[in-house]
Amino acid sequence: MTPTAGTSASIPSRAVIVTTLGMAQILSWGTSFYFLAVVAVPIVRDTGWPYEWVIAGVSVGLVVAGFVSPRVGREIGHRGGRPVLACGAILFALGLALIGTSQNFYWYLSGWIVVGAGMGISDHAGDGGFAVRRCVGF
């Protein structure tokens, strides 16, 4: 694609955009939904919390994601995907930092609440909705 008049940068091809969004999805799901597949046992070992409690973090995150997802779709329609997905990345980083530094179970669950908001933005509605609306042409 060629740049439009007055711009100095060209728009990346659909293949580049879709590949980038696909990689973002892999990282997003890997640091949220599948995160505990790797770290649940070490968390249980380090904290002494029951395994079921540790795994409950994902459930809390999914519930939060379900609550924020409808609003995310509206925001993507109103603002576009980039600022919404950027917000999701920030929430992931903050939530993972809370989980990683949690000193008690409530702190741990609050981290999952923040990660859940990021999941609702980036995992479920964000990348998929943005890709379909902006990049694939639907």
Protein backbone atom coordinates (compact mmCIF):
# COMPACT_ATOMS: atom_id res chain seq x y z
CA MET A 1 0.00 0.00 0.00
CA THR A 2 1.18 3.50 -0.64
CA PRO A 3 0.96 6.31 1.87
CA THR A 4 -1.76 8.87 1.48
CA ALA A 5 -0.95 12.48 0.73
CA GLY A 6 0.64 14.22 3.68
CA THR A 7 1.78 11.08 5.52
CA SER A 8 5.30 9.80 5.72
CA ALA A 9 4.60 6.23 6.81
CA SER A 10 2.91 3.51 4.83
CA ILE A 11 0.13 1.34 6.20
CA PRO A 12 1.31 -2.23 6.83
CA SER A 13 -0.19 -4.98 4.72
CA ARG A 14 -3.06 -7.08 6.02
CA ALA A 15 -0.71 -10.04 6.39
CA VAL A 16 1.56 -8.06 8.71
CA ILE A 17 -1.37 -6.73 10.74
CA VAL A 18 -3.07 -10.11 11.09
CA THR A 19 0.23 -11.83 11.97
CA THR A 20 0.98 -9.18 14.59
CA LEU A 21 -2.48 -9.49 16.09
CA GLY A 22 -2.10 -13.28 16.10
CA MET A 23 1.17 -13.02 18.01
CA ALA A 24 -0.48 -10.59 20.43
CA GLN A 25 -3.26 -13.14 20.99
CA ILE A 26 -0.73 -15.88 21.77
CA LEU A 27 1.03 -13.67 24.31
CA SER A 28 -2.25 -12.41 25.73
CA TRP A 29 -3.75 -15.86 26.28
CA GLY A 30 -0.41 -17.21 27.51
CA THR A 31 -0.16 -14.56 30.21
CA SER A 32 -3.76 -14.88 31.31
CA PHE A 33 -5.81 -18.01 30.77
CA TYR A 34 -2.89 -20.47 30.43
CA PHE A 35 -0.65 -18.69 32.94
CA LEU A 36 -1.54 -20.97 35.85
CA ALA A 37 -0.77 -24.14 33.90
CA VAL A 38 2.87 -23.21 34.46
CA VAL A 39 2.89 -21.41 37.80
CA ALA A 40 0.01 -22.86 39.89
CA VAL A 41 2.07 -25.55 41.60
CA PRO A 42 4.95 -23.18 42.48
CA ILE A 43 2.41 -20.66 43.85
CA VAL A 44 0.83 -23.38 46.01
CA ARG A 45 4.26 -24.50 47.20
CA ASP A 46 5.42 -20.95 48.02
CA THR A 47 2.23 -19.69 49.64
CA GLY A 48 0.65 -22.77 51.19
CA TRP A 49 -2.72 -21.86 49.68
CA PRO A 50 -4.89 -24.74 48.48
CA TYR A 51 -4.49 -25.57 44.80
CA GLU A 52 -8.20 -24.93 44.22
CA TRP A 53 -7.86 -21.39 45.58
CA VAL A 54 -4.97 -20.63 43.27
CA ILE A 55 -6.85 -21.95 40.24
CA ALA A 56 -9.90 -19.90 41.29
CA GLY A 57 -7.97 -16.82 40.16
CA VAL A 58 -8.63 -17.71 36.52
CA SER A 59 -12.35 -18.07 37.25
CA VAL A 60 -12.41 -14.65 38.86
CA GLY A 61 -10.61 -13.23 35.84
CA LEU A 62 -13.06 -14.84 33.42
CA VAL A 63 -16.04 -13.46 35.30
CA VAL A 64 -14.55 -9.96 35.17
CA ALA A 65 -13.77 -10.44 31.46
CA GLY A 66 -17.40 -11.33 30.86
CA PHE A 67 -18.55 -8.15 32.53
CA VAL A 68 -16.22 -5.82 30.61
CA SER A 69 -16.41 -7.43 27.15
CA PRO A 70 -19.67 -5.77 25.99
CA ARG A 71 -18.29 -2.34 26.83
CA VAL A 72 -15.05 -3.17 25.02
CA GLY A 73 -16.92 -3.81 21.77
CA ARG A 74 -18.60 -0.43 22.03
CA GLU A 75 -15.30 1.30 22.78
CA ILE A 76 -13.62 -0.33 19.78
CA GLY A 77 -16.47 0.90 17.61
CA HIS A 78 -16.20 4.40 19.07
CA ARG A 79 -12.43 4.88 19.51
CA GLY A 80 -10.88 2.21 17.31
CA GLY A 81 -8.85 -0.79 18.37
CA ARG A 82 -5.44 0.67 19.10
CA PRO A 83 -6.18 2.68 22.26
CA VAL A 84 -8.46 -0.06 23.59
CA LEU A 85 -5.87 -2.79 23.07
CA ALA A 86 -3.17 -0.57 24.60
CA CYS A 87 -5.36 -0.25 27.70
CA GLY A 88 -5.65 -4.05 27.81
CA ALA A 89 -1.87 -4.44 27.70
CA ILE A 90 -1.46 -1.97 30.55
CA LEU A 91 -4.04 -3.85 32.63
CA PHE A 92 -2.26 -7.15 31.95
CA ALA A 93 1.03 -5.71 33.13
CA LEU A 94 -0.50 -4.22 36.25
CA GLY A 95 -2.48 -7.37 37.09
CA LEU A 96 0.51 -9.67 36.60
CA ALA A 97 2.59 -7.37 38.81
CA LEU A 98 -0.09 -7.61 41.51
CA ILE A 99 -0.18 -11.40 41.23
CA GLY A 100 3.61 -11.63 41.29
CA THR A 101 3.93 -9.48 44.40
CA SER A 102 0.86 -10.74 46.26
CA GLN A 103 1.40 -11.17 49.99
CA ASN A 104 -2.02 -12.64 50.74
CA PHE A 105 -4.88 -14.31 48.93
CA TYR A 106 -7.00 -11.15 48.63
CA TRP A 107 -4.11 -9.33 46.96
CA TYR A 108 -3.73 -12.31 44.63
CA LEU A 109 -7.44 -12.19 43.69
CA SER A 110 -7.27 -8.42 43.14
CA GLY A 111 -4.50 -9.10 40.64
CA TRP A 112 -6.79 -11.54 38.86
CA ILE A 113 -9.56 -8.93 38.80
CA VAL A 114 -7.20 -6.57 36.97
CA VAL A 115 -5.97 -9.35 34.67
CA GLY A 116 -9.61 -10.24 34.02
CA ALA A 117 -10.27 -6.71 32.82
CA GLY A 118 -7.27 -7.06 30.52
CA MET A 119 -8.60 -10.42 29.31
CA GLY A 120 -11.95 -8.86 28.48
CA ILE A 121 -10.20 -6.19 26.47
CA SER A 122 -7.39 -8.09 24.78
CA ASP A 123 -8.29 -11.78 24.74
CA HIS A 124 -11.98 -11.98 24.07
CA ALA A 125 -13.25 -8.85 22.40
CA GLY A 126 -10.22 -6.75 21.65
CA ASP A 127 -7.95 -8.45 19.16
CA GLY A 128 -10.70 -10.42 17.44
CA GLY A 129 -13.03 -7.46 17.04
CA PHE A 130 -10.25 -5.15 15.96
CA ALA A 131 -8.91 -7.62 13.40
CA VAL A 132 -12.28 -8.26 11.83
CA ARG A 133 -13.41 -4.64 11.72
CA ARG A 134 -10.19 -2.91 10.69
CA CYS A 135 -7.86 -5.38 9.05
CA VAL A 136 -9.80 -8.08 7.32
CA GLY A 137 -12.37 -5.72 5.95
CA PHE A 138 -15.67 -6.89 7.42
